[in-house]
Amino acid sequence: MKKYHAYLPWEADYAAHPWHGYTRDICVDLPKDEPPVIYYDHWVVWGAYPAEQFMPCFLQVLEKDYTQMPDDRFVYVRKDRLAAAHQP
């Protein structure tokens, strides 16, 4: 997931039409390699592009497989990692 330090609306368009064999589609890559922790800023790009509009697949993965940390709303930990941390 190293190539996803940021993902913006025009990148979703690029994902549908990649150039020179360089694929960058968070909807394909994230489910294949879910990181243990995601830092996600709920920023609406330029006040006009919410994540629901250009990367709903990302939000679906967050909801299904991650837990938002109560002390930091930007940090999401994969649920299986939380379960492992709470076992004796």
PDB file of N, CA and C in Angstrom:
ATOM      1  N   MET A   1       0.814  -1.200   0.000  1.00  0.00           N
ATOM      2  CA  MET A   1       0.000   0.000   0.000  1.00  0.00           C
ATOM      3  C   MET A   1       0.857   1.264   0.000  1.00  0.00           C
ATOM      4  N   LYS A   2       2.135   1.149  -0.274  1.00  0.00           N
ATOM      5  CA  LYS A   2       3.024   2.300  -0.238  1.00  0.00           C
ATOM      6  C   LYS A   2       2.625   3.401  -1.207  1.00  0.00           C
ATOM      7  N   LYS A   3       2.018   3.061  -2.315  1.00  0.00           N
ATOM      8  CA  LYS A   3       1.697   4.092  -3.300  1.00  0.00           C
ATOM      9  C   LYS A   3       0.438   4.884  -2.965  1.00  0.00           C
ATOM     10  N   TYR A   4      -0.142   4.670  -1.796  1.00  0.00           N
ATOM     11  CA  TYR A   4      -1.380   5.340  -1.436  1.00  0.00           C
ATOM     12  C   TYR A   4      -1.238   6.248  -0.224  1.00  0.00           C
ATOM     13  N   HIS A   5      -0.249   7.092  -0.214  1.00  0.00           N
ATOM     14  CA  HIS A   5      -0.160   8.069   0.872  1.00  0.00           C
ATOM     15  C   HIS A   5      -1.235   9.133   0.704  1.00  0.00           C
ATOM     16  N   ALA A   6      -1.766   9.249  -0.502  1.00  0.00           N
ATOM     17  CA  ALA A   6      -2.895  10.135  -0.792  1.00  0.00           C
ATOM     18  C   ALA A   6      -3.665   9.536  -1.959  1.00  0.00           C
ATOM     19  N   TYR A   7      -4.950   9.800  -2.009  1.00  0.00           N
ATOM     20  CA  TYR A   7      -5.777   9.352  -3.128  1.00  0.00           C
ATOM     21  C   TYR A   7      -6.832  10.424  -3.341  1.00  0.00           C
ATOM     22  N   LEU A   8      -6.804  11.057  -4.506  1.00  0.00           N
ATOM     23  CA  LEU A   8      -7.640  12.219  -4.780  1.00  0.00           C
ATOM     24  C   LEU A   8      -8.575  11.927  -5.954  1.00  0.00           C
ATOM     25  N   PRO A   9      -9.579  12.769  -6.179  1.00  0.00           N
ATOM     26  CA  PRO A   9     -10.597  12.467  -7.194  1.00  0.00           C
ATOM     27  C   PRO A   9     -10.043  12.131  -8.578  1.00  0.00           C
ATOM     28  N   TRP A  10      -9.041  12.846  -9.036  1.00  0.00           N
ATOM     29  CA  TRP A  10      -8.504  12.576 -10.373  1.00  0.00           C
ATOM     30  C   TRP A  10      -7.783  11.234 -10.435  1.00  0.00           C
ATOM     31  N   GLU A  11      -7.364  10.710  -9.293  1.00  0.00           N
ATOM     32  CA  GLU A  11      -6.715   9.402  -9.277  1.00  0.00           C
ATOM     33  C   GLU A  11      -7.728   8.279  -9.518  1.00  0.00           C
ATOM     34  N   ALA A  12      -8.957   8.489  -9.099  1.00  0.00           N
ATOM     35  CA  ALA A  12     -10.001   7.508  -9.391  1.00  0.00           C
ATOM     36  C   ALA A  12     -10.247   7.449 -10.894  1.00  0.00           C
ATOM     37  N   ASP A  13     -10.172   8.594 -11.555  1.00  0.00           N
ATOM     38  CA  ASP A  13     -10.315   8.615 -13.007  1.00  0.00           C
ATOM     39  C   ASP A  13      -9.117   7.932 -13.664  1.00  0.00           C
ATOM     40  N   TYR A  14      -7.921   8.183 -13.151  1.00  0.00           N
ATOM     41  CA  TYR A  14      -6.718   7.526 -13.679  1.00  0.00           C
ATOM     42  C   TYR A  14      -6.830   6.009 -13.528  1.00  0.00           C
ATOM     43  N   ALA A  15      -7.385   5.554 -12.410  1.00  0.00           N
ATOM     44  CA  ALA A  15      -7.529   4.114 -12.172  1.00  0.00           C
ATOM     45  C   ALA A  15      -8.331   3.449 -13.286  1.00  0.00           C
ATOM     46  N   ALA A  16      -9.300   4.171 -13.815  1.00  0.00           N
ATOM     47  CA  ALA A  16     -10.112   3.631 -14.902  1.00  0.00           C
ATOM     48  C   ALA A  16      -9.378   3.677 -16.242  1.00  0.00           C
ATOM     49  N   HIS A  17      -8.326   4.523 -16.336  1.00  0.00           N
ATOM     50  CA  HIS A  17      -7.590   4.692 -17.597  1.00  0.00           C
ATOM     51  C   HIS A  17      -6.098   4.823 -17.315  1.00  0.00           C
ATOM     52  N   PRO A  18      -5.440   3.775 -16.795  1.00  0.00           N
ATOM     53  CA  PRO A  18      -4.015   3.898 -16.444  1.00  0.00           C
ATOM     54  C   PRO A  18      -3.124   4.055 -17.679  1.00  0.00           C
ATOM     55  N   TRP A  19      -2.008   4.750 -17.486  1.00  0.00           N
ATOM     56  CA  TRP A  19      -1.040   4.983 -18.565  1.00  0.00           C
ATOM     57  C   TRP A  19       0.186   4.121 -18.346  1.00  0.00           C
ATOM     58  N   HIS A  20       0.762   3.689 -19.414  1.00  0.00           N
ATOM     59  CA  HIS A  20       2.064   3.024 -19.423  1.00  0.00           C
ATOM     60  C   HIS A  20       2.172   1.848 -18.450  1.00  0.00           C
ATOM     61  N   GLY A  21       1.068   1.171 -18.215  1.00  0.00           N
ATOM     62  CA  GLY A  21       1.101  -0.025 -17.384  1.00  0.00           C
ATOM     63  C   GLY A  21       1.215   0.219 -15.885  1.00  0.00           C
ATOM     64  N   TYR A  22       1.196   1.487 -15.456  1.00  0.00           N
ATOM     65  CA  TYR A  22       1.270   1.773 -14.022  1.00  0.00           C
ATOM     66  C   TYR A  22      -0.142   1.829 -13.470  1.00  0.00           C
ATOM     67  N   THR A  23      -0.544   0.768 -12.796  1.00  0.00           N
ATOM     68  CA  THR A  23      -1.894   0.731 -12.241  1.00  0.00           C
ATOM     69  C   THR A  23      -1.899   1.334 -10.849  1.00  0.00           C
ATOM     70  N   ARG A  24      -2.954   2.050 -10.570  1.00  0.00           N
ATOM     71  CA  ARG A  24      -3.126   2.691  -9.268  1.00  0.00           C
ATOM     72  C   ARG A  24      -4.626   2.760  -9.016  1.00  0.00           C
ATOM     73  N   ASP A  25      -5.154   1.706  -8.459  1.00  0.00           N
ATOM     74  CA  ASP A  25      -6.588   1.642  -8.196  1.00  0.00           C
ATOM     75  C   ASP A  25      -6.790   1.120  -6.779  1.00  0.00           C
ATOM     76  N   ILE A  26      -7.155   2.001  -5.891  1.00  0.00           N
ATOM     77  CA  ILE A  26      -7.310   1.637  -4.481  1.00  0.00           C
ATOM     78  C   ILE A  26      -8.407   0.586  -4.303  1.00  0.00           C
ATOM     79  N   CYS A  27      -9.388   0.586  -5.196  1.00  0.00           N
ATOM     80  CA  CYS A  27     -10.475  -0.393  -5.094  1.00  0.00           C
ATOM     81  C   CYS A  27      -9.996  -1.811  -5.392  1.00  0.00           C
ATOM     82  N   VAL A  28      -8.939  -1.934  -6.155  1.00  0.00           N
ATOM     83  CA  VAL A  28      -8.357  -3.234  -6.464  1.00  0.00           C
ATOM     84  C   VAL A  28      -7.301  -3.608  -5.428  1.00  0.00           C
ATOM     85  N   ASP A  29      -6.426  -2.661  -5.106  1.00  0.00           N
ATOM     86  CA  ASP A  29      -5.268  -2.952  -4.262  1.00  0.00           C
ATOM     87  C   ASP A  29      -5.589  -3.101  -2.774  1.00  0.00           C
ATOM     88  N   LEU A  30      -6.462  -2.291  -2.240  1.00  0.00           N
ATOM     89  CA  LEU A  30      -6.740  -2.339  -0.796  1.00  0.00           C
ATOM     90  C   LEU A  30      -7.269  -3.692  -0.333  1.00  0.00           C
ATOM     91  N   PRO A  31      -8.262  -4.268  -0.994  1.00  0.00           N
ATOM     92  CA  PRO A  31      -8.741  -5.577  -0.529  1.00  0.00           C
ATOM     93  C   PRO A  31      -7.684  -6.683  -0.599  1.00  0.00           C
ATOM     94  N   LYS A  32      -6.696  -6.541  -1.469  1.00  0.00           N
ATOM     95  CA  LYS A  32      -5.640  -7.544  -1.603  1.00  0.00           C
ATOM     96  C   LYS A  32      -4.582  -7.432  -0.515  1.00  0.00           C
ATOM     97  N   ASP A  33      -4.405  -6.246   0.035  1.00  0.00           N
ATOM     98  CA  ASP A  33      -3.305  -6.009   0.975  1.00  0.00           C
ATOM     99  C   ASP A  33      -3.715  -4.972   2.009  1.00  0.00           C
ATOM    100  N   GLU A  34      -4.655  -5.331   2.865  1.00  0.00           N
ATOM    101  CA  GLU A  34      -5.146  -4.385   3.866  1.00  0.00           C
ATOM    102  C   GLU A  34      -4.076  -4.130   4.924  1.00  0.00           C
ATOM    103  N   PRO A  35      -3.660  -2.883   5.083  1.00  0.00           N
ATOM    104  CA  PRO A  35      -2.647  -2.590   6.098  1.00  0.00           C
ATOM    105  C   PRO A  35      -3.234  -2.733   7.505  1.00  0.00           C
ATOM    106  N   PRO A  36      -2.399  -2.951   8.506  1.00  0.00           N
ATOM    107  CA  PRO A  36      -2.911  -3.095   9.869  1.00  0.00           C
ATOM    108  C   PRO A  36      -3.536  -1.810  10.407  1.00  0.00           C
ATOM    109  N   VAL A  37      -3.035  -0.659   9.955  1.00  0.00           N
ATOM    110  CA  VAL A  37      -3.546   0.632  10.412  1.00  0.00           C
ATOM    111  C   VAL A  37      -3.694   1.554   9.204  1.00  0.00           C
ATOM    112  N   ILE A  38      -4.775   2.323   9.192  1.00  0.00           N
ATOM    113  CA  ILE A  38      -4.981   3.341   8.158  1.00  0.00           C
ATOM    114  C   ILE A  38      -5.187   4.674   8.856  1.00  0.00           C
ATOM    115  N   TYR A  39      -4.480   5.675   8.389  1.00  0.00           N
ATOM    116  CA  TYR A  39      -4.716   7.054   8.825  1.00  0.00           C
ATOM    117  C   TYR A  39      -5.538   7.702   7.729  1.00  0.00           C
ATOM    118  N   TYR A  40      -6.754   8.081   8.043  1.00  0.00           N
ATOM    119  CA  TYR A  40      -7.673   8.623   7.040  1.00  0.00           C
ATOM    120  C   TYR A  40      -8.211   9.970   7.490  1.00  0.00           C
ATOM    121  N   ASP A  41      -7.881  10.988   6.749  1.00  0.00           N
ATOM    122  CA  ASP A  41      -8.378  12.339   6.992  1.00  0.00           C
ATOM    123  C   ASP A  41      -9.706  12.478   6.248  1.00  0.00           C
ATOM    124  N   HIS A  42     -10.739  12.847   6.931  1.00  0.00           N
ATOM    125  CA  HIS A  42     -12.083  12.932   6.359  1.00  0.00           C
ATOM    126  C   HIS A  42     -12.297  14.215   5.559  1.00  0.00           C
ATOM    127  N   TRP A  43     -11.244  14.721   4.978  1.00  0.00           N
ATOM    128  CA  TRP A  43     -11.263  15.965   4.233  1.00  0.00           C
ATOM    129  C   TRP A  43     -12.122  15.850   2.985  1.00  0.00           C
ATOM    130  N   VAL A  44     -12.933  16.851   2.726  1.00  0.00           N
ATOM    131  CA  VAL A  44     -13.676  16.953   1.477  1.00  0.00           C
ATOM    132  C   VAL A  44     -12.782  17.768   0.546  1.00  0.00           C
ATOM    133  N   VAL A  45     -12.275  17.141  -0.496  1.00  0.00           N
ATOM    134  CA  VAL A  45     -11.301  17.769  -1.391  1.00  0.00           C
ATOM    135  C   VAL A  45     -11.890  19.048  -1.989  1.00  0.00           C
ATOM    136  N   TRP A  46     -11.193  20.146  -1.753  1.00  0.00           N
ATOM    137  CA  TRP A  46     -11.583  21.485  -2.216  1.00  0.00           C
ATOM    138  C   TRP A  46     -13.013  21.844  -1.826  1.00  0.00           C
ATOM    139  N   GLY A  47     -13.520  21.210  -0.771  1.00  0.00           N
ATOM    140  CA  GLY A  47     -14.877  21.483  -0.311  1.00  0.00           C
ATOM    141  C   GLY A  47     -15.952  20.985  -1.259  1.00  0.00           C
ATOM    142  N   ALA A  48     -15.563  20.185  -2.269  1.00  0.00           N
ATOM    143  CA  ALA A  48     -16.518  19.770  -3.290  1.00  0.00           C
ATOM    144  C   ALA A  48     -16.556  18.272  -3.558  1.00  0.00           C
ATOM    145  N   TYR A  49     -15.500  17.533  -3.173  1.00  0.00           N
ATOM    146  CA  TYR A  49     -15.404  16.121  -3.521  1.00  0.00           C
ATOM    147  C   TYR A  49     -15.260  15.255  -2.277  1.00  0.00           C
ATOM    148  N   PRO A  50     -16.379  14.783  -1.713  1.00  0.00           N
ATOM    149  CA  PRO A  50     -16.283  13.872  -0.571  1.00  0.00           C
ATOM    150  C   PRO A  50     -15.826  12.490  -1.032  1.00  0.00           C
ATOM    151  N   ALA A  51     -15.233  11.747  -0.134  1.00  0.00           N
ATOM    152  CA  ALA A  51     -14.728  10.409  -0.463  1.00  0.00           C
ATOM    153  C   ALA A  51     -15.826   9.513  -1.032  1.00  0.00           C
ATOM    154  N   GLU A  52     -17.036   9.674  -0.586  1.00  0.00           N
ATOM    155  CA  GLU A  52     -18.151   8.856  -1.088  1.00  0.00           C
ATOM    156  C   GLU A  52     -18.295   9.001  -2.601  1.00  0.00           C
ATOM    157  N   GLN A  53     -17.862  10.126  -3.131  1.00  0.00           N
ATOM    158  CA  GLN A  53     -18.023  10.388  -4.553  1.00  0.00           C
ATOM    159  C   GLN A  53     -16.944   9.731  -5.412  1.00  0.00           C
ATOM    160  N   PHE A  54     -15.717   9.637  -4.920  1.00  0.00           N
ATOM    161  CA  PHE A  54     -14.651   9.137  -5.780  1.00  0.00           C
ATOM    162  C   PHE A  54     -13.952   7.876  -5.271  1.00  0.00           C
ATOM    163  N   MET A  55     -14.237   7.465  -4.027  1.00  0.00           N
ATOM    164  CA  MET A  55     -13.663   6.201  -3.548  1.00  0.00           C
ATOM    165  C   MET A  55     -14.579   5.512  -2.534  1.00  0.00           C
ATOM    166  N   PRO A  56     -15.807   5.239  -2.942  1.00  0.00           N
ATOM    167  CA  PRO A  56     -16.725   4.569  -2.017  1.00  0.00           C
ATOM    168  C   PRO A  56     -16.233   3.183  -1.602  1.00  0.00           C
ATOM    169  N   CYS A  57     -15.469   2.533  -2.471  1.00  0.00           N
ATOM    170  CA  CYS A  57     -14.936   1.210  -2.139  1.00  0.00           C
ATOM    171  C   CYS A  57     -14.032   1.280  -0.906  1.00  0.00           C
ATOM    172  N   PHE A  58     -13.248   2.331  -0.785  1.00  0.00           N
ATOM    173  CA  PHE A  58     -12.372   2.528   0.373  1.00  0.00           C
ATOM    174  C   PHE A  58     -13.202   2.625   1.653  1.00  0.00           C
ATOM    175  N   LEU A  59     -14.260   3.406   1.601  1.00  0.00           N
ATOM    176  CA  LEU A  59     -15.121   3.573   2.776  1.00  0.00           C
ATOM    177  C   LEU A  59     -15.803   2.262   3.152  1.00  0.00           C
ATOM    178  N   GLN A  60     -16.144   1.450   2.167  1.00  0.00           N
ATOM    179  CA  GLN A  60     -16.756   0.141   2.441  1.00  0.00           C
ATOM    180  C   GLN A  60     -15.778  -0.769   3.170  1.00  0.00           C
ATOM    181  N   VAL A  61     -14.510  -0.763   2.745  1.00  0.00           N
ATOM    182  CA  VAL A  61     -13.494  -1.575   3.413  1.00  0.00           C
ATOM    183  C   VAL A  61     -13.290  -1.075   4.841  1.00  0.00           C
ATOM    184  N   LEU A  62     -13.222   0.248   5.022  1.00  0.00           N
ATOM    185  CA  LEU A  62     -13.072   0.801   6.382  1.00  0.00           C
ATOM    186  C   LEU A  62     -14.198   0.319   7.286  1.00  0.00           C
ATOM    187  N   GLU A  63     -15.420   0.398   6.788  1.00  0.00           N
ATOM    188  CA  GLU A  63     -16.576   0.011   7.601  1.00  0.00           C
ATOM    189  C   GLU A  63     -16.581  -1.481   7.920  1.00  0.00           C
ATOM    190  N   LYS A  64     -16.206  -2.290   6.943  1.00  0.00           N
ATOM    191  CA  LYS A  64     -16.281  -3.745   7.108  1.00  0.00           C
ATOM    192  C   LYS A  64     -15.130  -4.309   7.933  1.00  0.00           C
ATOM    193  N   ASP A  65     -13.918  -3.834   7.706  1.00  0.00           N
ATOM    194  CA  ASP A  65     -12.734  -4.494   8.255  1.00  0.00           C
ATOM    195  C   ASP A  65     -11.947  -3.687   9.291  1.00  0.00           C
ATOM    196  N   TYR A  66     -12.347  -2.459   9.564  1.00  0.00           N
ATOM    197  CA  TYR A  66     -11.569  -1.593  10.460  1.00  0.00           C
ATOM    198  C   TYR A  66     -12.430  -0.999  11.557  1.00  0.00           C
ATOM    199  N   THR A  67     -11.766  -0.628  12.644  1.00  0.00           N
ATOM    200  CA  THR A  67     -12.410   0.055  13.757  1.00  0.00           C
ATOM    201  C   THR A  67     -11.745   1.411  13.930  1.00  0.00           C
ATOM    202  N   GLN A  68     -12.571   2.441  13.986  1.00  0.00           N
ATOM    203  CA  GLN A  68     -12.059   3.790  14.215  1.00  0.00           C
ATOM    204  C   GLN A  68     -11.691   3.927  15.686  1.00  0.00           C
ATOM    205  N   MET A  69     -10.528   4.440  15.965  1.00  0.00           N
ATOM    206  CA  MET A  69     -10.061   4.583  17.332  1.00  0.00           C
ATOM    207  C   MET A  69     -10.784   5.744  18.020  1.00  0.00           C
ATOM    208  N   PRO A  70     -11.247   5.513  19.228  1.00  0.00           N
ATOM    209  CA  PRO A  70     -12.037   6.544  19.917  1.00  0.00           C
ATOM    210  C   PRO A  70     -11.234   7.804  20.269  1.00  0.00           C
ATOM    211  N   ASP A  71      -9.951   7.671  20.479  1.00  0.00           N
ATOM    212  CA  ASP A  71      -9.145   8.825  20.878  1.00  0.00           C
ATOM    213  C   ASP A  71      -8.565   9.594  19.704  1.00  0.00           C
ATOM    214  N   ASP A  72      -8.672   9.050  18.495  1.00  0.00           N
ATOM    215  CA  ASP A  72      -8.144   9.722  17.312  1.00  0.00           C
ATOM    216  C   ASP A  72      -8.998   9.324  16.117  1.00  0.00           C
ATOM    217  N   ARG A  73      -9.882  10.191  15.698  1.00  0.00           N
ATOM    218  CA  ARG A  73     -10.848   9.852  14.656  1.00  0.00           C
ATOM    219  C   ARG A  73     -10.225   9.611  13.288  1.00  0.00           C
ATOM    220  N   PHE A  74      -8.933   9.892  13.135  1.00  0.00           N
ATOM    221  CA  PHE A  74      -8.239   9.664  11.866  1.00  0.00           C
ATOM    222  C   PHE A  74      -7.596   8.275  11.789  1.00  0.00           C
ATOM    223  N   VAL A  75      -7.515   7.571  12.877  1.00  0.00           N
ATOM    224  CA  VAL A  75      -6.821   6.283  12.929  1.00  0.00           C
ATOM    225  C   VAL A  75      -7.833   5.132  12.943  1.00  0.00           C
ATOM    226  N   TYR A  76      -7.600   4.191  12.029  1.00  0.00           N
ATOM    227  CA  TYR A  76      -8.425   2.997  11.911  1.00  0.00           C
ATOM    228  C   TYR A  76      -7.514   1.783  12.023  1.00  0.00           C
ATOM    229  N   VAL A  77      -7.886   0.835  12.881  1.00  0.00           N
ATOM    230  CA  VAL A  77      -7.098  -0.384  13.074  1.00  0.00           C
ATOM    231  C   VAL A  77      -7.920  -1.551  12.556  1.00  0.00           C
ATOM    232  N   ARG A  78      -7.236  -2.442  11.832  1.00  0.00           N
ATOM    233  CA  ARG A  78      -7.920  -3.612  11.292  1.00  0.00           C
ATOM    234  C   ARG A  78      -8.502  -4.435  12.436  1.00  0.00           C
ATOM    235  N   LYS A  79      -9.738  -4.865  12.296  1.00  0.00           N
ATOM    236  CA  LYS A  79     -10.461  -5.564  13.366  1.00  0.00           C
ATOM    237  C   LYS A  79      -9.750  -6.837  13.830  1.00  0.00           C
ATOM    238  N   ASP A  80      -9.144  -7.567  12.916  1.00  0.00           N
ATOM    239  CA  ASP A  80      -8.471  -8.784  13.349  1.00  0.00           C
ATOM    240  C   ASP A  80      -7.256  -8.466  14.216  1.00  0.00           C
ATOM    241  N   ARG A  81      -6.623  -7.324  14.021  1.00  0.00           N
ATOM    242  CA  ARG A  81      -5.495  -6.923  14.855  1.00  0.00           C
ATOM    243  C   ARG A  81      -5.981  -6.527  16.249  1.00  0.00           C
ATOM    244  N   LEU A  82      -7.110  -5.888  16.326  1.00  0.00           N
ATOM    245  CA  LEU A  82      -7.679  -5.525  17.634  1.00  0.00           C
ATOM    246  C   LEU A  82      -8.069  -6.779  18.409  1.00  0.00           C
ATOM    247  N   ALA A  83      -8.671  -7.736  17.728  1.00  0.00           N
ATOM    248  CA  ALA A  83      -9.075  -8.985  18.381  1.00  0.00           C
ATOM    249  C   ALA A  83      -7.845  -9.720  18.925  1.00  0.00           C
ATOM    250  N   ALA A  84      -6.780  -9.750  18.148  1.00  0.00           N
ATOM    251  CA  ALA A  84      -5.555 -10.431  18.582  1.00  0.00           C
ATOM    252  C   ALA A  84      -4.932  -9.726  19.785  1.00  0.00           C
ATOM    253  N   ALA A  85      -5.044  -8.423  19.843  1.00  0.00           N
ATOM    254  CA  ALA A  85      -4.472  -7.658  20.951  1.00  0.00           C
ATOM    255  C   ALA A  85      -5.229  -7.872  22.251  1.00  0.00           C
ATOM    256  N   HIS A  86      -6.486  -8.276  22.174  1.00  0.00           N
ATOM    257  CA  HIS A  86      -7.296  -8.467  23.377  1.00  0.00           C
ATOM    258  C   HIS A  86      -7.386  -9.908  23.848  1.00  0.00           C
ATOM    259  N   GLN A  87      -6.668 -10.812  23.194  1.00  0.00           N
ATOM    260  CA  GLN A  87      -6.675 -12.214  23.632  1.00  0.00           C
ATOM    261  C   GLN A  87      -5.625 -12.416  24.710  1.00  0.00           C
ATOM    262  N   PRO A  88      -5.904 -13.316  25.660  1.00  0.00           N
ATOM    263  CA  PRO A  88      -4.940 -13.551  26.736  1.00  0.00           C
ATOM    264  C   PRO A  88      -3.695 -14.273  26.254  1.00  0.00           C
TER     265      PRO A  88
END
